[in-house]
């Protein structure tokens, strides 16, 4: 079954060759330097095409995690702890060298095309078909159709998107 998946991803990469890519990276907790804790940063691992729940690189397909927009660290009050955490991640992206305003994906996972089963998420194989689950509440749809829609959106985004 990985042959069909490999074929779909190869075709998608060819269609995306001139489309914009986004960074993906790892959150690296700050180490201590002379006993003083250093702040966390996001280290870039590469570039990928963002196709909804998937990140497509030149060699791999990844399941998306969190998306953070880089922003310089500023002191401010937050109404919620989740807002504080998002601001910390945005500052970590800036410390990692991600230009301000640019997005970076963290918390992603590499998907193994040979390890797909009927219960895999977000990619699965059922009845010989490769499917993608596009949201936690949504059902599965054929990967080929999903890639067609996502590539079209990436290449021709809606006005003001």
N, C-alpha and C. Protein backbone atom coordinates (compact mmCIF):
# COMPACT_ATOMS: atom_id res chain seq x y z
N UNK A 1 0.82 -1.20 0.00
CA UNK A 1 0.00 0.00 0.00
C UNK A 1 0.86 1.25 0.00
N UNK A 2 2.04 1.17 0.52
CA UNK A 2 2.88 2.36 0.55
C UNK A 2 3.21 2.84 -0.86
N UNK A 3 3.09 1.94 -1.87
CA UNK A 3 3.36 2.35 -3.25
C UNK A 3 2.35 3.41 -3.69
N UNK A 4 1.07 3.20 -3.39
CA UNK A 4 0.03 4.18 -3.76
C UNK A 4 0.27 5.50 -3.03
N UNK A 5 0.59 5.44 -1.76
CA UNK A 5 0.88 6.65 -0.99
C UNK A 5 2.10 7.35 -1.56
N UNK A 6 3.14 6.61 -1.85
CA UNK A 6 4.36 7.18 -2.42
C UNK A 6 4.06 7.89 -3.73
N UNK A 7 3.24 7.28 -4.55
CA UNK A 7 2.86 7.86 -5.84
C UNK A 7 2.08 9.16 -5.65
N UNK A 8 1.11 9.17 -4.74
CA UNK A 8 0.33 10.38 -4.47
C UNK A 8 1.22 11.51 -3.97
N UNK A 9 2.15 11.19 -3.07
CA UNK A 9 3.02 12.22 -2.51
C UNK A 9 4.02 12.73 -3.55
N UNK A 10 4.51 11.86 -4.40
CA UNK A 10 5.44 12.27 -5.46
C UNK A 10 4.73 13.24 -6.42
N UNK A 11 3.51 12.91 -6.81
CA UNK A 11 2.74 13.79 -7.69
C UNK A 11 2.47 15.14 -7.01
N UNK A 12 2.14 15.11 -5.72
CA UNK A 12 1.89 16.35 -4.98
C UNK A 12 3.14 17.21 -4.94
N UNK A 13 4.29 16.61 -4.66
CA UNK A 13 5.54 17.38 -4.63
C UNK A 13 5.82 18.05 -5.97
N UNK A 14 5.57 17.33 -7.07
CA UNK A 14 5.79 17.90 -8.41
C UNK A 14 4.88 19.10 -8.64
N UNK A 15 3.64 19.01 -8.21
CA UNK A 15 2.69 20.11 -8.39
C UNK A 15 3.01 21.30 -7.49
N UNK A 16 3.69 21.04 -6.38
CA UNK A 16 3.99 22.08 -5.40
C UNK A 16 5.38 22.70 -5.57
N UNK A 17 6.12 22.30 -6.56
CA UNK A 17 7.53 22.67 -6.67
C UNK A 17 7.78 24.17 -6.51
N UNK A 18 6.88 25.02 -6.99
CA UNK A 18 7.10 26.47 -6.88
C UNK A 18 6.17 27.13 -5.86
N UNK A 19 5.48 26.34 -5.06
CA UNK A 19 4.57 26.88 -4.04
C UNK A 19 5.35 27.23 -2.78
N UNK A 20 4.84 28.18 -1.99
CA UNK A 20 5.55 28.58 -0.77
C UNK A 20 5.59 27.47 0.28
N UNK A 21 6.68 27.46 1.03
CA UNK A 21 6.85 26.49 2.11
C UNK A 21 6.89 27.22 3.45
N UNK A 22 6.67 26.46 4.51
CA UNK A 22 6.73 26.99 5.86
C UNK A 22 7.77 26.21 6.65
N UNK A 23 8.31 26.83 7.67
CA UNK A 23 9.31 26.19 8.52
C UNK A 23 8.66 25.20 9.46
N UNK A 24 9.40 24.17 9.83
CA UNK A 24 9.01 23.31 10.94
C UNK A 24 10.25 23.14 11.80
N UNK A 25 10.03 23.01 13.10
CA UNK A 25 11.17 22.93 14.01
C UNK A 25 10.83 22.23 15.30
N UNK A 26 11.82 22.26 16.19
CA UNK A 26 11.69 21.62 17.50
C UNK A 26 11.84 22.67 18.59
N UNK A 27 11.02 22.53 19.61
CA UNK A 27 11.15 23.38 20.79
C UNK A 27 12.29 22.84 21.64
N UNK A 28 13.27 23.68 21.89
CA UNK A 28 14.41 23.29 22.72
C UNK A 28 14.35 24.11 24.00
N UNK A 29 14.13 23.39 25.11
CA UNK A 29 14.07 24.06 26.39
C UNK A 29 15.44 24.65 26.70
N UNK A 30 15.43 25.80 27.35
CA UNK A 30 16.68 26.50 27.64
C UNK A 30 17.58 25.74 28.60
N UNK A 31 18.87 25.74 28.29
CA UNK A 31 19.86 25.12 29.18
C UNK A 31 20.37 26.18 30.14
N UNK A 32 21.03 25.71 31.14
CA UNK A 32 21.64 26.64 32.09
C UNK A 32 23.04 26.98 31.62
N UNK A 33 23.38 28.24 31.72
CA UNK A 33 24.71 28.71 31.40
C UNK A 33 25.24 29.42 32.64
N UNK A 34 26.25 28.83 33.26
CA UNK A 34 26.80 29.34 34.51
C UNK A 34 25.72 29.45 35.59
N UNK A 35 24.82 28.48 35.59
CA UNK A 35 23.77 28.42 36.60
C UNK A 35 22.56 29.29 36.29
N UNK A 36 22.62 30.05 35.23
CA UNK A 36 21.51 30.94 34.87
C UNK A 36 20.69 30.26 33.77
N UNK A 37 19.37 30.09 34.00
CA UNK A 37 18.55 29.43 32.99
C UNK A 37 18.42 30.30 31.74
N UNK A 38 18.56 29.69 30.58
CA UNK A 38 18.40 30.38 29.31
C UNK A 38 16.99 30.13 28.80
N UNK A 39 16.41 31.07 28.11
CA UNK A 39 15.04 30.87 27.62
C UNK A 39 14.99 29.84 26.48
N UNK A 40 13.83 29.24 26.33
CA UNK A 40 13.61 28.24 25.27
C UNK A 40 13.66 28.92 23.90
N UNK A 41 13.95 28.09 22.90
CA UNK A 41 13.94 28.59 21.53
C UNK A 41 13.44 27.48 20.61
N UNK A 42 13.00 27.86 19.44
CA UNK A 42 12.57 26.88 18.44
C UNK A 42 13.65 26.82 17.37
N UNK A 43 14.23 25.64 17.22
CA UNK A 43 15.27 25.42 16.21
C UNK A 43 14.61 24.89 14.94
N UNK A 44 14.85 25.55 13.83
CA UNK A 44 14.30 25.14 12.54
C UNK A 44 14.92 23.82 12.10
N UNK A 45 14.08 22.89 11.66
CA UNK A 45 14.54 21.59 11.16
C UNK A 45 14.45 21.51 9.65
N UNK A 46 13.61 22.34 9.03
CA UNK A 46 13.48 22.31 7.58
C UNK A 46 12.28 23.09 7.11
N UNK A 47 11.96 22.90 5.83
CA UNK A 47 10.82 23.56 5.20
C UNK A 47 9.87 22.51 4.68
N UNK A 48 8.58 22.84 4.69
CA UNK A 48 7.56 21.89 4.23
C UNK A 48 6.39 22.66 3.65
N UNK A 49 5.65 21.99 2.78
CA UNK A 49 4.39 22.54 2.30
C UNK A 49 3.34 22.19 3.34
N UNK A 50 2.58 23.18 3.77
CA UNK A 50 1.52 22.97 4.76
C UNK A 50 0.23 22.65 4.01
N UNK A 51 -0.22 21.42 4.16
CA UNK A 51 -1.43 20.94 3.49
C UNK A 51 -2.44 20.48 4.52
N UNK A 52 -2.98 21.42 5.27
CA UNK A 52 -3.98 21.09 6.28
C UNK A 52 -3.38 20.31 7.43
N UNK A 53 -3.75 19.06 7.60
CA UNK A 53 -3.25 18.24 8.71
C UNK A 53 -1.92 17.59 8.38
N UNK A 54 -1.39 17.86 7.17
CA UNK A 54 -0.13 17.26 6.76
C UNK A 54 0.90 18.33 6.44
N UNK A 55 2.14 17.99 6.70
CA UNK A 55 3.29 18.77 6.23
C UNK A 55 4.05 17.86 5.28
N UNK A 56 4.29 18.34 4.08
CA UNK A 56 4.97 17.53 3.08
C UNK A 56 6.35 18.11 2.82
N UNK A 57 7.39 17.32 3.11
CA UNK A 57 8.76 17.74 2.86
C UNK A 57 9.24 17.06 1.58
N UNK A 58 10.49 17.31 1.21
CA UNK A 58 11.05 16.66 0.03
C UNK A 58 11.14 15.15 0.20
N UNK A 59 11.25 14.69 1.45
CA UNK A 59 11.46 13.26 1.70
C UNK A 59 10.40 12.58 2.56
N UNK A 60 9.68 13.34 3.36
CA UNK A 60 8.76 12.75 4.34
C UNK A 60 7.39 13.40 4.28
N UNK A 61 6.46 12.77 4.97
CA UNK A 61 5.16 13.36 5.24
C UNK A 61 5.00 13.37 6.75
N UNK A 62 4.57 14.52 7.29
CA UNK A 62 4.47 14.73 8.72
C UNK A 62 3.03 15.07 9.09
N UNK A 63 2.62 14.69 10.29
CA UNK A 63 1.34 15.14 10.83
C UNK A 63 1.61 16.46 11.55
N UNK A 64 0.77 17.43 11.31
CA UNK A 64 0.99 18.74 11.92
C UNK A 64 0.78 18.67 13.44
N UNK A 65 1.37 19.63 14.10
CA UNK A 65 1.20 19.80 15.54
C UNK A 65 0.65 21.20 15.78
N UNK A 66 1.41 22.01 16.49
CA UNK A 66 1.03 23.40 16.74
C UNK A 66 1.68 24.30 15.71
N UNK A 67 1.02 25.41 15.43
CA UNK A 67 1.55 26.42 14.52
C UNK A 67 1.74 27.70 15.32
N UNK A 68 2.93 28.26 15.23
CA UNK A 68 3.27 29.46 16.00
C UNK A 68 3.74 30.54 15.04
N UNK A 69 3.31 31.77 15.26
CA UNK A 69 3.79 32.91 14.49
C UNK A 69 4.85 33.62 15.33
N UNK A 70 6.03 33.78 14.77
CA UNK A 70 7.15 34.38 15.48
C UNK A 70 6.83 35.84 15.85
N UNK A 71 7.19 36.19 17.08
CA UNK A 71 6.94 37.54 17.57
C UNK A 71 7.94 37.84 18.67
N UNK A 72 8.46 39.04 18.67
CA UNK A 72 9.41 39.44 19.71
C UNK A 72 8.74 39.38 21.07
N UNK A 73 9.54 39.06 22.07
CA UNK A 73 9.01 38.95 23.43
C UNK A 73 8.71 40.34 23.99
N UNK A 74 7.53 40.48 24.56
CA UNK A 74 7.13 41.73 25.22
C UNK A 74 6.47 41.38 26.54
N UNK A 75 6.58 42.25 27.48
CA UNK A 75 5.94 42.04 28.78
C UNK A 75 4.50 42.53 28.70
N UNK A 76 3.59 41.69 29.09
CA UNK A 76 2.18 42.08 29.13
C UNK A 76 1.44 41.13 30.05
N UNK A 77 0.28 41.55 30.46
CA UNK A 77 -0.56 40.69 31.28
C UNK A 77 -1.43 39.82 30.39
N UNK A 78 -1.78 38.65 30.88
CA UNK A 78 -2.60 37.73 30.10
C UNK A 78 -3.81 37.32 30.93
N UNK A 79 -4.93 37.22 30.24
CA UNK A 79 -6.16 36.80 30.91
C UNK A 79 -6.19 35.29 31.11
N UNK A 80 -5.42 34.58 30.30
CA UNK A 80 -5.45 33.12 30.38
C UNK A 80 -4.04 32.56 30.28
N UNK A 81 -3.82 31.45 30.94
CA UNK A 81 -2.51 30.79 30.89
C UNK A 81 -2.17 30.33 29.48
N UNK A 82 -3.18 29.94 28.70
CA UNK A 82 -2.94 29.52 27.32
C UNK A 82 -2.39 30.67 26.48
N UNK A 83 -2.85 31.90 26.73
CA UNK A 83 -2.32 33.06 26.02
C UNK A 83 -0.85 33.27 26.37
N UNK A 84 -0.52 33.11 27.64
CA UNK A 84 0.87 33.26 28.09
C UNK A 84 1.75 32.22 27.39
N UNK A 85 1.28 30.98 27.30
CA UNK A 85 2.07 29.93 26.66
C UNK A 85 2.26 30.20 25.18
N UNK A 86 1.22 30.68 24.49
CA UNK A 86 1.35 31.02 23.07
C UNK A 86 2.37 32.15 22.88
N UNK A 87 2.35 33.15 23.76
CA UNK A 87 3.31 34.25 23.67
C UNK A 87 4.74 33.74 23.92
N UNK A 88 4.90 32.79 24.85
CA UNK A 88 6.22 32.21 25.11
C UNK A 88 6.73 31.45 23.88
N UNK A 89 5.84 30.71 23.23
CA UNK A 89 6.23 29.98 22.02
C UNK A 89 6.58 30.93 20.88
N UNK A 90 5.82 32.02 20.74
CA UNK A 90 6.11 33.01 19.70
C UNK A 90 7.47 33.64 19.93
N UNK A 91 7.79 33.94 21.19
CA UNK A 91 9.11 34.50 21.52
C UNK A 91 10.21 33.47 21.30
N UNK A 92 9.94 32.20 21.60
CA UNK A 92 10.92 31.14 21.38
C UNK A 92 11.23 31.01 19.88
N UNK A 93 10.22 31.20 19.05
CA UNK A 93 10.45 31.17 17.60
C UNK A 93 11.36 32.32 17.18
N UNK A 94 11.10 33.49 17.71
CA UNK A 94 11.96 34.64 17.39
C UNK A 94 13.39 34.40 17.86
N UNK A 95 13.55 33.85 19.06
CA UNK A 95 14.90 33.55 19.57
C UNK A 95 15.60 32.50 18.71
N UNK A 96 14.84 31.63 18.08
CA UNK A 96 15.41 30.59 17.23
C UNK A 96 15.75 31.07 15.82
N UNK A 97 15.51 32.33 15.54
CA UNK A 97 15.87 32.89 14.25
C UNK A 97 14.75 32.93 13.22
N UNK A 98 13.52 32.62 13.61
CA UNK A 98 12.40 32.71 12.69
C UNK A 98 12.03 34.19 12.56
N UNK A 99 12.05 34.73 11.34
CA UNK A 99 11.72 36.15 11.16
C UNK A 99 10.34 36.48 11.73
N UNK A 100 10.23 37.68 12.29
CA UNK A 100 8.97 38.09 12.91
C UNK A 100 7.82 38.04 11.90
N UNK A 101 6.71 37.47 12.37
CA UNK A 101 5.51 37.34 11.55
C UNK A 101 5.44 36.05 10.75
N UNK A 102 6.55 35.33 10.65
CA UNK A 102 6.57 34.07 9.90
C UNK A 102 6.11 32.93 10.81
N UNK A 103 5.49 31.92 10.21
CA UNK A 103 5.00 30.79 11.00
C UNK A 103 6.03 29.68 11.05
N UNK A 104 5.95 28.90 12.12
CA UNK A 104 6.78 27.71 12.28
C UNK A 104 5.91 26.63 12.92
N UNK A 105 6.08 25.41 12.47
CA UNK A 105 5.30 24.27 12.98
C UNK A 105 6.15 23.53 14.01
N UNK A 106 5.55 23.25 15.17
CA UNK A 106 6.21 22.46 16.21
C UNK A 106 5.27 21.34 16.64
N UNK A 107 5.82 20.34 17.30
CA UNK A 107 4.99 19.24 17.78
C UNK A 107 4.52 18.32 16.67
N UNK A 108 5.14 18.34 15.52
CA UNK A 108 4.80 17.49 14.39
C UNK A 108 5.35 16.10 14.61
N UNK A 109 4.84 15.13 13.86
CA UNK A 109 5.35 13.76 13.91
C UNK A 109 5.53 13.22 12.50
N UNK A 110 6.59 12.48 12.31
CA UNK A 110 6.85 11.84 11.01
C UNK A 110 5.91 10.65 10.88
N UNK A 111 5.26 10.53 9.73
CA UNK A 111 4.36 9.42 9.47
C UNK A 111 5.12 8.35 8.68
N UNK A 112 4.94 7.11 9.07
CA UNK A 112 5.60 5.99 8.41
C UNK A 112 4.65 5.39 7.38
N UNK A 113 4.94 5.58 6.08
CA UNK A 113 4.03 5.04 5.06
C UNK A 113 3.85 3.53 5.15
N UNK A 114 4.84 2.82 5.65
CA UNK A 114 4.73 1.36 5.74
C UNK A 114 3.98 0.92 7.00
N UNK A 115 3.76 1.83 7.94
CA UNK A 115 3.11 1.47 9.19
C UNK A 115 1.66 1.89 9.27
N UNK A 116 1.06 2.28 8.15
CA UNK A 116 -0.32 2.72 8.17
C UNK A 116 -1.27 1.54 8.33
N UNK A 117 -2.32 1.77 9.07
CA UNK A 117 -3.35 0.75 9.26
C UNK A 117 -4.72 1.41 9.14
N UNK A 118 -5.75 0.67 9.40
CA UNK A 118 -7.11 1.23 9.35
C UNK A 118 -7.35 2.22 10.47
N UNK A 119 -6.52 2.19 11.52
CA UNK A 119 -6.72 3.06 12.68
C UNK A 119 -5.69 4.18 12.78
N UNK A 120 -4.81 4.31 11.79
CA UNK A 120 -3.79 5.35 11.82
C UNK A 120 -4.43 6.73 11.72
N UNK A 121 -3.77 7.72 12.29
CA UNK A 121 -4.24 9.10 12.22
C UNK A 121 -3.05 9.98 11.90
N UNK A 122 -3.12 10.95 11.01
CA UNK A 122 -4.27 11.29 10.19
C UNK A 122 -4.38 10.47 8.90
N UNK A 123 -3.35 9.71 8.55
CA UNK A 123 -3.43 8.86 7.35
C UNK A 123 -3.81 7.44 7.75
N UNK A 124 -4.64 6.82 6.93
CA UNK A 124 -5.06 5.45 7.21
C UNK A 124 -5.25 4.71 5.89
N UNK A 125 -5.26 3.39 5.98
CA UNK A 125 -5.52 2.54 4.83
C UNK A 125 -6.74 1.70 5.16
N UNK A 126 -7.73 1.78 4.28
CA UNK A 126 -8.95 0.97 4.44
C UNK A 126 -9.36 0.43 3.08
N UNK A 127 -9.50 -0.87 3.01
CA UNK A 127 -9.91 -1.48 1.76
C UNK A 127 -8.97 -1.18 0.60
N UNK A 128 -7.72 -0.99 0.89
CA UNK A 128 -6.73 -0.69 -0.14
C UNK A 128 -6.64 0.77 -0.53
N UNK A 129 -7.47 1.63 0.06
CA UNK A 129 -7.44 3.06 -0.25
C UNK A 129 -6.70 3.82 0.85
N UNK A 130 -5.92 4.82 0.43
CA UNK A 130 -5.24 5.70 1.39
C UNK A 130 -6.18 6.85 1.69
N UNK A 131 -6.47 7.04 2.98
CA UNK A 131 -7.42 8.06 3.43
C UNK A 131 -6.73 9.02 4.38
N UNK A 132 -7.33 10.20 4.53
CA UNK A 132 -6.83 11.19 5.48
C UNK A 132 -8.00 11.67 6.34
N UNK A 133 -7.72 11.81 7.61
CA UNK A 133 -8.72 12.36 8.54
C UNK A 133 -8.36 13.82 8.73
N UNK A 134 -9.16 14.70 8.19
CA UNK A 134 -8.81 16.11 8.11
C UNK A 134 -9.14 16.91 9.37
N UNK A 135 -9.85 16.33 10.31
CA UNK A 135 -10.08 16.99 11.61
C UNK A 135 -10.44 15.92 12.63
N UNK A 136 -10.28 16.25 13.89
CA UNK A 136 -10.58 15.29 14.96
C UNK A 136 -12.04 14.86 14.92
N UNK A 137 -12.93 15.77 14.54
CA UNK A 137 -14.35 15.45 14.50
C UNK A 137 -14.81 14.98 13.13
N UNK A 138 -13.95 15.18 12.13
CA UNK A 138 -14.33 14.83 10.76
C UNK A 138 -14.05 13.37 10.45
N UNK A 139 -14.59 12.94 9.35
CA UNK A 139 -14.36 11.58 8.91
C UNK A 139 -13.15 11.50 7.99
N UNK A 140 -12.92 10.33 7.45
CA UNK A 140 -11.82 10.13 6.52
C UNK A 140 -12.29 10.43 5.10
N UNK A 141 -11.37 10.93 4.28
CA UNK A 141 -11.65 11.15 2.87
C UNK A 141 -10.46 10.65 2.06
N UNK A 142 -10.65 10.35 0.78
CA UNK A 142 -9.54 9.85 -0.04
C UNK A 142 -8.39 10.87 -0.08
N UNK A 143 -7.18 10.39 0.11
CA UNK A 143 -6.01 11.28 0.16
C UNK A 143 -5.83 12.03 -1.15
N UNK A 144 -6.05 11.41 -2.27
CA UNK A 144 -5.88 12.09 -3.55
C UNK A 144 -6.76 13.32 -3.67
N UNK A 145 -8.02 13.18 -3.31
CA UNK A 145 -8.96 14.32 -3.36
C UNK A 145 -8.56 15.40 -2.37
N UNK A 146 -8.15 14.98 -1.17
CA UNK A 146 -7.71 15.93 -0.14
C UNK A 146 -6.51 16.73 -0.63
N UNK A 147 -5.52 16.04 -1.20
CA UNK A 147 -4.33 16.73 -1.71
C UNK A 147 -4.70 17.70 -2.82
N UNK A 148 -5.60 17.31 -3.71
CA UNK A 148 -6.04 18.21 -4.78
C UNK A 148 -6.60 19.50 -4.20
N UNK A 149 -7.49 19.39 -3.21
CA UNK A 149 -8.10 20.56 -2.59
C UNK A 149 -7.07 21.43 -1.88
N UNK A 150 -6.20 20.80 -1.09
CA UNK A 150 -5.23 21.57 -0.31
C UNK A 150 -4.17 22.23 -1.20
N UNK A 151 -3.76 21.56 -2.26
CA UNK A 151 -2.79 22.15 -3.19
C UNK A 151 -3.42 23.34 -3.89
N UNK A 152 -4.66 23.22 -4.30
CA UNK A 152 -5.35 24.34 -4.94
C UNK A 152 -5.45 25.54 -3.99
N UNK A 153 -5.77 25.28 -2.72
CA UNK A 153 -5.84 26.37 -1.74
C UNK A 153 -4.48 27.00 -1.49
N UNK A 154 -3.43 26.21 -1.47
CA UNK A 154 -2.09 26.75 -1.25
C UNK A 154 -1.64 27.58 -2.45
N UNK A 155 -1.90 27.10 -3.64
CA UNK A 155 -1.48 27.80 -4.85
C UNK A 155 -2.35 29.02 -5.16
N UNK A 156 -3.63 28.96 -4.80
CA UNK A 156 -4.56 30.06 -5.08
C UNK A 156 -5.40 30.33 -3.83
N UNK A 157 -4.82 30.97 -2.82
CA UNK A 157 -5.58 31.21 -1.59
C UNK A 157 -6.76 32.15 -1.83
N UNK A 158 -7.81 31.99 -1.05
CA UNK A 158 -8.96 32.89 -1.17
C UNK A 158 -8.52 34.33 -0.87
N UNK A 159 -9.25 35.27 -1.43
CA UNK A 159 -8.95 36.68 -1.20
C UNK A 159 -8.97 36.98 0.30
N UNK A 160 -7.97 37.70 0.76
CA UNK A 160 -7.80 38.13 2.17
C UNK A 160 -7.54 36.96 3.11
N UNK A 161 -7.05 35.86 2.60
CA UNK A 161 -6.76 34.70 3.47
C UNK A 161 -5.37 34.80 4.06
